[in-house]
N, C-alpha and C. Protein backbone atom coordinates (compact mmCIF):
# COMPACT_ATOMS: atom_id res chain seq x y z
N MET A 1 84.72 89.86 91.94
CA MET A 1 84.26 89.65 93.31
C MET A 1 84.75 88.28 93.78
N GLY A 2 85.35 88.25 94.96
CA GLY A 2 85.86 87.00 95.50
C GLY A 2 84.78 86.14 96.12
N LYS A 3 85.15 84.90 96.36
CA LYS A 3 84.21 83.94 96.93
C LYS A 3 84.38 83.82 98.44
N ILE A 4 83.26 83.65 99.13
CA ILE A 4 83.25 83.27 100.53
C ILE A 4 82.66 81.87 100.58
N LEU A 5 83.44 80.94 101.06
CA LEU A 5 82.98 79.57 101.20
C LEU A 5 82.26 79.43 102.53
N CYS A 6 81.15 78.68 102.52
CA CYS A 6 80.42 78.36 103.75
C CYS A 6 80.36 76.85 103.85
N PHE A 7 81.00 76.32 104.88
CA PHE A 7 81.00 74.88 105.08
C PHE A 7 79.65 74.50 105.70
N ILE A 8 78.88 73.68 104.97
CA ILE A 8 77.56 73.27 105.45
C ILE A 8 77.56 71.77 105.70
N TYR A 9 76.80 71.36 106.71
CA TYR A 9 76.75 69.95 107.09
C TYR A 9 75.45 69.68 107.82
N ASP A 10 75.04 68.41 107.82
CA ASP A 10 73.80 68.03 108.49
C ASP A 10 73.85 68.44 109.96
N GLY A 11 72.79 69.10 110.41
CA GLY A 11 72.69 69.53 111.80
C GLY A 11 73.34 70.86 112.08
N MET A 12 73.85 71.53 111.06
CA MET A 12 74.46 72.85 111.29
C MET A 12 73.39 73.82 111.79
N VAL A 13 73.82 74.81 112.53
CA VAL A 13 72.92 75.84 113.04
C VAL A 13 73.00 77.00 112.04
N ASP A 14 72.10 76.98 111.07
CA ASP A 14 72.19 77.89 109.93
C ASP A 14 72.04 79.36 110.26
N PHE A 15 71.25 79.71 111.28
CA PHE A 15 71.06 81.13 111.57
C PHE A 15 72.35 81.81 112.00
N GLU A 16 73.33 81.03 112.44
CA GLU A 16 74.59 81.61 112.90
C GLU A 16 75.42 82.18 111.75
N MET A 17 75.11 81.77 110.52
CA MET A 17 75.89 82.26 109.37
C MET A 17 75.08 83.07 108.37
N THR A 18 73.75 82.99 108.43
CA THR A 18 72.95 83.60 107.36
C THR A 18 73.02 85.12 107.35
N LEU A 19 73.11 85.77 108.50
CA LEU A 19 73.21 87.23 108.50
C LEU A 19 74.51 87.68 107.84
N ALA A 20 75.60 87.03 108.18
CA ALA A 20 76.88 87.39 107.56
C ALA A 20 76.80 87.20 106.05
N CYS A 21 76.23 86.10 105.61
CA CYS A 21 76.11 85.84 104.18
C CYS A 21 75.22 86.89 103.50
N HIS A 22 74.16 87.29 104.19
CA HIS A 22 73.24 88.29 103.65
C HIS A 22 73.92 89.66 103.51
N LEU A 23 74.70 90.04 104.50
CA LEU A 23 75.29 91.37 104.51
C LEU A 23 76.53 91.51 103.63
N LEU A 24 77.22 90.42 103.39
CA LEU A 24 78.45 90.49 102.58
C LEU A 24 78.13 90.71 101.11
N ASP A 25 78.89 91.58 100.49
CA ASP A 25 78.77 91.81 99.05
C ASP A 25 79.81 90.93 98.35
N LYS A 26 79.64 89.63 98.52
CA LYS A 26 80.57 88.65 97.97
C LYS A 26 79.76 87.49 97.39
N GLU A 27 80.40 86.70 96.57
CA GLU A 27 79.76 85.48 96.07
C GLU A 27 79.85 84.43 97.18
N ILE A 28 78.72 83.95 97.63
CA ILE A 28 78.65 82.96 98.70
C ILE A 28 78.57 81.57 98.05
N VAL A 29 79.49 80.69 98.43
CA VAL A 29 79.54 79.34 97.85
C VAL A 29 79.43 78.32 98.97
N PRO A 30 78.25 77.69 99.11
CA PRO A 30 78.12 76.62 100.11
C PRO A 30 78.89 75.39 99.65
N ILE A 31 79.71 74.85 100.55
CA ILE A 31 80.49 73.65 100.24
C ILE A 31 80.20 72.58 101.29
N SER A 32 80.33 71.34 100.89
CA SER A 32 80.10 70.22 101.78
C SER A 32 81.00 69.07 101.35
N TYR A 33 81.06 68.03 102.17
CA TYR A 33 81.89 66.89 101.80
C TYR A 33 81.38 66.21 100.54
N GLU A 34 80.07 66.19 100.37
CA GLU A 34 79.46 65.56 99.20
C GLU A 34 78.37 66.47 98.65
N ILE A 35 78.05 66.28 97.38
CA ILE A 35 76.95 67.02 96.77
C ILE A 35 75.67 66.25 97.11
N LYS A 36 75.00 66.71 98.13
CA LYS A 36 73.74 66.11 98.58
C LYS A 36 72.99 67.15 99.39
N VAL A 37 71.71 66.96 99.57
CA VAL A 37 70.90 67.88 100.35
C VAL A 37 71.36 67.83 101.81
N ILE A 38 71.50 69.01 102.40
CA ILE A 38 71.93 69.16 103.79
C ILE A 38 70.74 69.67 104.59
N LYS A 39 70.43 69.02 105.69
CA LYS A 39 69.35 69.47 106.55
C LYS A 39 69.95 70.14 107.79
N SER A 40 69.60 71.40 107.97
CA SER A 40 70.11 72.16 109.12
C SER A 40 69.32 71.83 110.37
N LYS A 41 69.81 72.29 111.50
CA LYS A 41 69.14 72.08 112.78
C LYS A 41 67.72 72.68 112.76
N SER A 42 67.54 73.78 112.03
CA SER A 42 66.23 74.45 111.97
C SER A 42 65.23 73.71 111.08
N GLY A 43 65.72 72.72 110.33
CA GLY A 43 64.84 72.01 109.41
C GLY A 43 64.89 72.54 107.99
N MET A 44 65.64 73.62 107.76
CA MET A 44 65.82 74.15 106.41
C MET A 44 66.78 73.24 105.66
N TYR A 45 66.58 73.18 104.34
CA TYR A 45 67.43 72.35 103.50
C TYR A 45 68.33 73.23 102.65
N TYR A 46 69.56 72.79 102.50
CA TYR A 46 70.57 73.51 101.73
C TYR A 46 71.20 72.55 100.73
N TYR A 47 71.73 73.11 99.66
CA TYR A 47 72.39 72.29 98.66
C TYR A 47 73.74 72.92 98.33
N PRO A 48 74.82 72.18 98.50
CA PRO A 48 76.15 72.74 98.21
C PRO A 48 76.36 72.95 96.72
N ARG A 49 77.15 73.96 96.40
CA ARG A 49 77.51 74.21 95.00
C ARG A 49 78.79 73.47 94.62
N ALA A 50 79.55 73.08 95.63
CA ALA A 50 80.81 72.37 95.37
C ALA A 50 81.16 71.52 96.58
N THR A 51 82.02 70.56 96.36
CA THR A 51 82.54 69.79 97.49
C THR A 51 83.72 70.55 98.09
N VAL A 52 84.09 70.18 99.29
CA VAL A 52 85.27 70.77 99.91
C VAL A 52 86.48 70.48 99.04
N LYS A 53 86.60 69.26 98.51
CA LYS A 53 87.72 68.91 97.63
C LYS A 53 87.77 69.82 96.42
N GLU A 54 86.62 70.05 95.78
CA GLU A 54 86.59 70.92 94.60
C GLU A 54 87.00 72.34 94.95
N SER A 55 86.61 72.81 96.12
CA SER A 55 86.92 74.19 96.50
C SER A 55 88.41 74.41 96.73
N LEU A 56 89.15 73.34 96.94
CA LEU A 56 90.61 73.47 97.09
C LEU A 56 91.26 74.05 95.83
N ALA A 57 90.62 73.88 94.69
CA ALA A 57 91.17 74.38 93.42
C ALA A 57 90.78 75.82 93.13
N TYR A 58 89.86 76.40 93.90
CA TYR A 58 89.44 77.78 93.66
C TYR A 58 90.60 78.73 93.95
N ILE A 59 90.75 79.74 93.10
CA ILE A 59 91.85 80.69 93.30
C ILE A 59 91.39 82.05 93.84
N ASP A 60 90.11 82.30 93.83
CA ASP A 60 89.62 83.62 94.22
C ASP A 60 88.82 83.59 95.53
N VAL A 61 89.22 82.73 96.47
CA VAL A 61 88.54 82.60 97.74
C VAL A 61 89.07 83.67 98.70
N GLU A 62 88.14 84.38 99.33
CA GLU A 62 88.51 85.42 100.30
C GLU A 62 88.30 84.98 101.73
N GLY A 63 87.56 83.89 101.93
CA GLY A 63 87.35 83.45 103.30
C GLY A 63 86.45 82.24 103.40
N LEU A 64 86.33 81.76 104.64
CA LEU A 64 85.53 80.59 104.97
C LEU A 64 84.71 80.90 106.22
N ILE A 65 83.43 80.55 106.18
CA ILE A 65 82.55 80.68 107.34
C ILE A 65 82.11 79.27 107.74
N ILE A 66 82.23 78.97 109.03
CA ILE A 66 81.81 77.67 109.55
C ILE A 66 80.79 77.90 110.66
N PRO A 67 79.55 77.47 110.46
CA PRO A 67 78.55 77.59 111.52
C PRO A 67 78.73 76.50 112.57
N GLY A 68 78.07 76.67 113.68
CA GLY A 68 78.11 75.66 114.73
C GLY A 68 77.15 74.52 114.42
N GLY A 69 77.14 73.56 115.30
CA GLY A 69 76.30 72.38 115.17
C GLY A 69 76.98 71.23 115.87
N PHE A 70 76.27 70.15 116.02
CA PHE A 70 76.81 69.03 116.78
C PHE A 70 77.26 67.90 115.88
N ASN A 71 78.14 68.23 114.97
CA ASN A 71 78.75 67.28 114.06
C ASN A 71 80.25 67.55 114.15
N ASP A 72 81.03 66.54 114.42
CA ASP A 72 82.46 66.77 114.56
C ASP A 72 83.30 66.06 113.50
N GLU A 73 82.65 65.61 112.41
CA GLU A 73 83.41 64.92 111.36
C GLU A 73 84.34 65.91 110.66
N GLN A 74 85.61 65.62 110.71
CA GLN A 74 86.58 66.46 110.03
C GLN A 74 87.43 65.60 109.11
N ARG A 75 87.18 65.77 107.84
CA ARG A 75 87.94 65.04 106.83
C ARG A 75 89.20 65.81 106.46
N GLN A 76 90.13 65.11 105.89
CA GLN A 76 91.43 65.69 105.54
C GLN A 76 91.28 66.90 104.60
N GLU A 77 90.32 66.85 103.68
CA GLU A 77 90.18 67.95 102.73
C GLU A 77 89.75 69.26 103.43
N LEU A 78 88.98 69.17 104.50
CA LEU A 78 88.61 70.38 105.23
C LEU A 78 89.82 70.93 105.98
N THR A 79 90.59 70.06 106.60
CA THR A 79 91.81 70.50 107.27
C THR A 79 92.76 71.15 106.27
N GLU A 80 92.89 70.57 105.09
CA GLU A 80 93.75 71.14 104.05
C GLU A 80 93.25 72.51 103.61
N LEU A 81 91.94 72.64 103.41
CA LEU A 81 91.36 73.92 103.01
C LEU A 81 91.63 74.99 104.07
N ILE A 82 91.38 74.66 105.33
CA ILE A 82 91.60 75.61 106.43
C ILE A 82 93.07 76.04 106.45
N ASN A 83 93.98 75.09 106.36
CA ASN A 83 95.40 75.43 106.40
C ASN A 83 95.84 76.24 105.19
N ASN A 84 95.32 75.90 104.00
CA ASN A 84 95.65 76.67 102.79
C ASN A 84 95.20 78.12 102.93
N LEU A 85 93.97 78.32 103.38
CA LEU A 85 93.45 79.69 103.53
C LEU A 85 94.23 80.43 104.61
N ASN A 86 94.56 79.75 105.69
CA ASN A 86 95.33 80.40 106.75
C ASN A 86 96.71 80.81 106.24
N ASP A 87 97.37 79.94 105.49
CA ASP A 87 98.69 80.25 104.93
C ASP A 87 98.65 81.48 104.03
N GLN A 88 97.49 81.72 103.40
CA GLN A 88 97.33 82.88 102.51
C GLN A 88 96.82 84.11 103.27
N GLY A 89 96.57 83.97 104.58
CA GLY A 89 96.06 85.08 105.38
C GLY A 89 94.61 85.41 105.07
N LYS A 90 93.86 84.45 104.55
CA LYS A 90 92.44 84.67 104.23
C LYS A 90 91.59 84.50 105.48
N LEU A 91 90.41 85.07 105.45
CA LEU A 91 89.49 85.00 106.58
C LEU A 91 89.11 83.57 106.90
N LEU A 92 89.21 83.23 108.18
CA LEU A 92 88.69 81.97 108.71
C LEU A 92 87.78 82.36 109.86
N SER A 93 86.50 82.10 109.70
CA SER A 93 85.54 82.49 110.74
C SER A 93 84.69 81.29 111.12
N ALA A 94 84.48 81.15 112.43
CA ALA A 94 83.71 80.01 112.94
C ALA A 94 82.98 80.45 114.20
N ILE A 95 81.78 79.94 114.36
CA ILE A 95 80.93 80.36 115.47
C ILE A 95 80.42 79.14 116.23
N CYS A 96 80.15 79.33 117.51
CA CYS A 96 79.57 78.33 118.40
C CYS A 96 80.50 77.12 118.50
N ALA A 97 80.07 75.97 117.98
CA ALA A 97 80.92 74.78 118.00
C ALA A 97 81.84 74.72 116.77
N GLY A 98 81.64 75.63 115.82
CA GLY A 98 82.43 75.65 114.59
C GLY A 98 83.93 75.79 114.78
N PRO A 99 84.41 76.54 115.81
CA PRO A 99 85.86 76.66 115.97
C PRO A 99 86.59 75.33 116.20
N GLN A 100 85.85 74.26 116.51
CA GLN A 100 86.50 72.95 116.68
C GLN A 100 87.23 72.54 115.40
N TYR A 101 86.69 72.91 114.24
CA TYR A 101 87.34 72.55 112.97
C TYR A 101 88.67 73.29 112.81
N LEU A 102 88.68 74.56 113.24
CA LEU A 102 89.92 75.34 113.19
C LEU A 102 90.94 74.76 114.17
N ALA A 103 90.45 74.36 115.35
CA ALA A 103 91.34 73.79 116.37
C ALA A 103 91.97 72.49 115.87
N ARG A 104 91.15 71.62 115.29
CA ARG A 104 91.68 70.34 114.80
C ARG A 104 92.66 70.54 113.64
N ALA A 105 92.49 71.62 112.89
CA ALA A 105 93.43 71.92 111.80
C ALA A 105 94.74 72.51 112.34
N GLY A 106 94.77 72.83 113.63
CA GLY A 106 95.99 73.31 114.27
C GLY A 106 96.26 74.79 114.14
N ILE A 107 95.29 75.55 113.64
CA ILE A 107 95.58 76.97 113.40
C ILE A 107 95.27 77.87 114.59
N LEU A 108 94.68 77.33 115.65
CA LEU A 108 94.39 78.17 116.82
C LEU A 108 95.55 78.23 117.81
N LYS A 109 96.58 77.44 117.60
CA LYS A 109 97.76 77.48 118.48
C LYS A 109 98.37 78.88 118.43
N GLY A 110 98.49 79.50 119.59
CA GLY A 110 99.07 80.84 119.65
C GLY A 110 98.13 81.95 119.23
N LYS A 111 96.88 81.64 118.95
CA LYS A 111 95.88 82.63 118.53
C LYS A 111 94.80 82.75 119.59
N LYS A 112 94.32 83.97 119.81
CA LYS A 112 93.18 84.17 120.70
C LYS A 112 91.92 83.71 119.96
N TYR A 113 91.02 83.07 120.70
CA TYR A 113 89.79 82.58 120.10
C TYR A 113 88.75 82.41 121.20
N THR A 114 87.50 82.20 120.78
CA THR A 114 86.43 81.84 121.70
C THR A 114 85.60 80.73 121.06
N THR A 115 84.81 80.07 121.87
CA THR A 115 83.94 79.00 121.39
C THR A 115 82.90 78.70 122.46
N THR A 116 81.81 78.14 122.06
CA THR A 116 80.80 77.66 123.00
C THR A 116 81.25 76.35 123.64
N LEU A 117 82.19 75.66 123.01
CA LEU A 117 82.63 74.34 123.47
C LEU A 117 83.68 74.43 124.58
N THR A 118 83.21 74.55 125.81
CA THR A 118 84.10 74.43 126.95
C THR A 118 84.52 72.96 127.05
N GLU A 119 85.47 72.66 127.91
CA GLU A 119 85.89 71.27 128.07
C GLU A 119 84.72 70.39 128.51
N ASP A 120 83.87 70.91 129.41
CA ASP A 120 82.71 70.15 129.86
C ASP A 120 81.69 69.94 128.73
N LYS A 121 81.49 70.97 127.92
CA LYS A 121 80.53 70.85 126.80
C LYS A 121 81.01 69.84 125.76
N ILE A 122 82.31 69.77 125.54
CA ILE A 122 82.84 68.77 124.60
C ILE A 122 82.49 67.38 125.08
N LYS A 123 82.69 67.13 126.37
CA LYS A 123 82.37 65.81 126.93
C LYS A 123 80.87 65.52 126.85
N GLU A 124 80.05 66.55 127.03
CA GLU A 124 78.60 66.38 126.98
C GLU A 124 78.09 66.15 125.55
N TYR A 125 78.53 66.98 124.60
CA TYR A 125 78.01 66.93 123.24
C TYR A 125 78.72 65.92 122.34
N PHE A 126 79.99 65.66 122.64
CA PHE A 126 80.79 64.74 121.83
C PHE A 126 81.47 63.71 122.72
N PRO A 127 80.68 62.83 123.35
CA PRO A 127 81.27 61.86 124.29
C PRO A 127 82.28 60.91 123.63
N MET A 128 82.21 60.77 122.32
CA MET A 128 83.14 59.89 121.62
C MET A 128 84.51 60.53 121.41
N VAL A 129 84.62 61.84 121.64
CA VAL A 129 85.89 62.55 121.46
C VAL A 129 86.74 62.35 122.71
N SER A 130 87.91 61.78 122.52
CA SER A 130 88.75 61.46 123.67
C SER A 130 89.67 62.61 124.09
N GLU A 131 89.90 63.55 123.17
CA GLU A 131 90.85 64.62 123.47
C GLU A 131 90.27 65.98 123.08
N ASP A 132 90.43 66.95 123.96
CA ASP A 132 90.00 68.32 123.68
C ASP A 132 90.91 68.88 122.57
N PRO A 133 90.33 69.31 121.43
CA PRO A 133 91.18 69.79 120.33
C PRO A 133 91.69 71.23 120.53
N PHE A 134 91.14 71.94 121.52
CA PHE A 134 91.45 73.36 121.68
C PHE A 134 92.70 73.61 122.52
N PRO A 135 93.51 74.59 122.11
CA PRO A 135 94.61 75.04 122.96
C PRO A 135 94.02 76.01 124.00
N ARG A 136 93.72 75.55 125.16
CA ARG A 136 92.98 76.34 126.16
C ARG A 136 93.75 77.54 126.70
N ASP A 137 95.05 77.60 126.49
CA ASP A 137 95.83 78.72 127.01
C ASP A 137 95.55 80.04 126.29
N THR A 138 94.95 79.99 125.10
CA THR A 138 94.65 81.23 124.37
C THR A 138 93.15 81.48 124.24
N TYR A 139 92.35 80.68 124.94
CA TYR A 139 90.90 80.86 124.95
C TYR A 139 90.57 82.19 125.64
N VAL A 140 89.61 82.94 125.07
CA VAL A 140 89.16 84.20 125.63
C VAL A 140 87.65 84.10 125.85
N ASN A 141 87.20 84.41 127.03
CA ASN A 141 85.78 84.32 127.36
C ASN A 141 85.07 85.61 126.94
N GLU A 142 84.87 85.76 125.64
CA GLU A 142 84.18 86.92 125.06
C GLU A 142 83.22 86.42 123.99
N ASN A 143 82.29 87.28 123.61
CA ASN A 143 81.32 86.90 122.58
C ASN A 143 81.96 86.70 121.21
N VAL A 144 82.85 87.61 120.84
CA VAL A 144 83.53 87.55 119.55
C VAL A 144 85.00 87.88 119.78
N VAL A 145 85.86 87.12 119.12
CA VAL A 145 87.29 87.36 119.22
C VAL A 145 87.87 87.36 117.81
N ARG A 146 88.66 88.39 117.54
CA ARG A 146 89.34 88.48 116.24
C ARG A 146 90.84 88.54 116.49
N ASP A 147 91.55 87.61 115.87
CA ASP A 147 93.01 87.59 115.94
C ASP A 147 93.51 87.48 114.51
N LYS A 148 93.92 88.61 113.98
CA LYS A 148 94.35 88.73 112.58
C LYS A 148 93.26 88.23 111.64
N ASN A 149 93.48 87.12 110.93
CA ASN A 149 92.52 86.63 109.94
C ASN A 149 91.51 85.64 110.52
N ILE A 150 91.54 85.42 111.83
CA ILE A 150 90.66 84.43 112.45
C ILE A 150 89.62 85.13 113.32
N ILE A 151 88.34 84.85 113.04
CA ILE A 151 87.23 85.39 113.82
C ILE A 151 86.44 84.22 114.38
N THR A 152 86.26 84.23 115.70
CA THR A 152 85.49 83.18 116.36
C THR A 152 84.44 83.85 117.25
N ALA A 153 83.35 83.12 117.50
CA ALA A 153 82.27 83.68 118.31
C ALA A 153 81.50 82.57 119.00
N VAL A 154 80.83 82.94 120.08
CA VAL A 154 79.89 82.02 120.72
C VAL A 154 78.58 82.11 119.94
N GLY A 155 77.74 81.09 120.05
CA GLY A 155 76.56 80.97 119.21
C GLY A 155 75.56 82.11 119.29
N ASN A 156 75.34 82.65 120.49
CA ASN A 156 74.34 83.71 120.60
C ASN A 156 74.86 85.07 120.13
N ALA A 157 76.08 85.13 119.68
CA ALA A 157 76.67 86.39 119.21
C ALA A 157 76.74 86.45 117.69
N PHE A 158 75.73 85.88 117.03
CA PHE A 158 75.78 85.80 115.57
C PHE A 158 75.72 87.18 114.91
N VAL A 159 75.09 88.17 115.53
CA VAL A 159 75.08 89.52 114.94
C VAL A 159 76.48 90.11 115.04
N ASP A 160 77.08 90.05 116.22
CA ASP A 160 78.43 90.58 116.39
C ASP A 160 79.44 89.84 115.50
N PHE A 161 79.26 88.54 115.36
CA PHE A 161 80.09 87.73 114.47
C PHE A 161 79.99 88.27 113.04
N SER A 162 78.78 88.51 112.58
CA SER A 162 78.55 89.02 111.22
C SER A 162 79.18 90.39 111.04
N ILE A 163 79.01 91.26 112.02
CA ILE A 163 79.56 92.61 111.94
C ILE A 163 81.08 92.56 111.91
N GLU A 164 81.68 91.67 112.69
CA GLU A 164 83.14 91.54 112.70
C GLU A 164 83.66 91.05 111.36
N ILE A 165 82.92 90.16 110.71
CA ILE A 165 83.30 89.70 109.37
C ILE A 165 83.23 90.87 108.38
N LEU A 166 82.18 91.67 108.46
CA LEU A 166 82.08 92.86 107.59
C LEU A 166 83.24 93.81 107.84
N ASP A 167 83.57 94.01 109.11
CA ASP A 167 84.68 94.90 109.47
C ASP A 167 86.00 94.37 108.92
N TYR A 168 86.19 93.07 108.97
CA TYR A 168 87.40 92.46 108.43
C TYR A 168 87.59 92.87 106.96
N PHE A 169 86.50 92.93 106.22
CA PHE A 169 86.56 93.29 104.80
C PHE A 169 86.48 94.81 104.56
N GLY A 170 86.55 95.59 105.63
CA GLY A 170 86.60 97.05 105.50
C GLY A 170 85.29 97.69 105.11
N ASN A 171 84.18 97.13 105.53
CA ASN A 171 82.87 97.66 105.14
C ASN A 171 82.42 98.87 105.93
N PHE A 172 83.16 99.29 106.94
CA PHE A 172 82.76 100.45 107.75
C PHE A 172 83.81 101.53 107.67
N LYS A 173 83.34 102.79 107.59
CA LYS A 173 84.30 103.90 107.51
C LYS A 173 84.92 104.21 108.87
N ASP A 174 84.18 103.86 109.95
CA ASP A 174 84.72 104.10 111.30
C ASP A 174 83.96 103.25 112.32
N GLU A 175 84.38 103.34 113.57
CA GLU A 175 83.78 102.54 114.65
C GLU A 175 82.32 102.92 114.88
N THR A 176 81.96 104.18 114.68
CA THR A 176 80.58 104.62 114.87
C THR A 176 79.65 103.92 113.87
N GLU A 177 80.07 103.87 112.62
CA GLU A 177 79.27 103.19 111.60
C GLU A 177 79.13 101.69 111.91
N LYS A 178 80.20 101.09 112.40
CA LYS A 178 80.19 99.67 112.78
C LYS A 178 79.18 99.44 113.91
N LYS A 179 79.21 100.27 114.93
CA LYS A 179 78.28 100.13 116.06
C LYS A 179 76.83 100.38 115.64
N LYS A 180 76.63 101.31 114.74
CA LYS A 180 75.29 101.60 114.24
C LYS A 180 74.72 100.39 113.49
N CYS A 181 75.54 99.76 112.67
CA CYS A 181 75.12 98.57 111.93
C CYS A 181 74.78 97.43 112.89
N ALA A 182 75.60 97.26 113.92
CA ALA A 182 75.35 96.21 114.92
C ALA A 182 74.03 96.48 115.64
N SER A 183 73.82 97.72 116.06
CA SER A 183 72.57 98.07 116.77
C SER A 183 71.35 97.84 115.88
N TYR A 184 71.46 98.25 114.62
CA TYR A 184 70.34 98.06 113.70
C TYR A 184 69.99 96.58 113.55
N ASN A 185 71.01 95.74 113.38
CA ASN A 185 70.76 94.32 113.17
C ASN A 185 70.37 93.58 114.44
N LYS A 186 70.57 94.20 115.57
CA LYS A 186 70.08 93.63 116.84
C LYS A 186 68.69 94.15 117.16
N GLY A 187 68.16 95.03 116.30
CA GLY A 187 66.83 95.58 116.51
C GLY A 187 66.76 96.63 117.58
N LEU A 188 67.89 97.29 117.85
CA LEU A 188 67.95 98.30 118.90
C LEU A 188 67.51 99.67 118.46
N ASN A 189 67.26 99.85 117.16
CA ASN A 189 66.87 101.17 116.65
C ASN A 189 65.38 101.24 116.33
N GLN A 190 64.60 100.42 116.97
CA GLN A 190 63.17 100.42 116.65
C GLN A 190 62.41 101.39 117.50
C-alpha cells in the first residue's frame, strides 16, 4: 500500500483534509517542517510522523494533500517535494488556500486550478506577500478542478475534493457510484 503525505502546519484547516484521509485506503503520513505538535485552526492537535525533508527519501508515495489555512511559509524542501511528485505524475491535491504552495512551486503554470485565494483575498490575508503566486490565466471559478494529477478546491467543497481524490485512485466503478458517494457524504441520503 502506498503512502499519502499530508502536509500539516500550525493554523491549518484540518476538516478540509480529514474526510479524504478517512475514505482513502492508503497509509496516511502527516508531514511537517519539524517534528513538533501542530495546532490546527479547530484547536485539534496533530503530530507529524516525518519531516518534509525526510519524506523526500520515501519511494512509495502516491500523493500529497495540502489543507488550507493562513500560513504561507514555503521552505525549499516543500517546493522540492511538490516538484518531485509532479515529475512522477503523482497526485498533488490542495484545498482552499493550500493551492498557494503548488503555485509557488511553479506547477500550476498551464494547468487549470481553483483556490479560495483571489487576488483581493491574498492582499487581505497575506499583506506581507508582495506578489500573487498564481498564474491567473488558468484559474477556473469552480468548486473542484482536476487537471491530470492536480486536484484543487475551494474550502467549502471539502466533500467534493475528497470524492475527486478517491476518483483519481479509481475507487468508483462509474459516475453513478461516484455521485452516490458524494451525496452520502454530504448527508443528502438521510
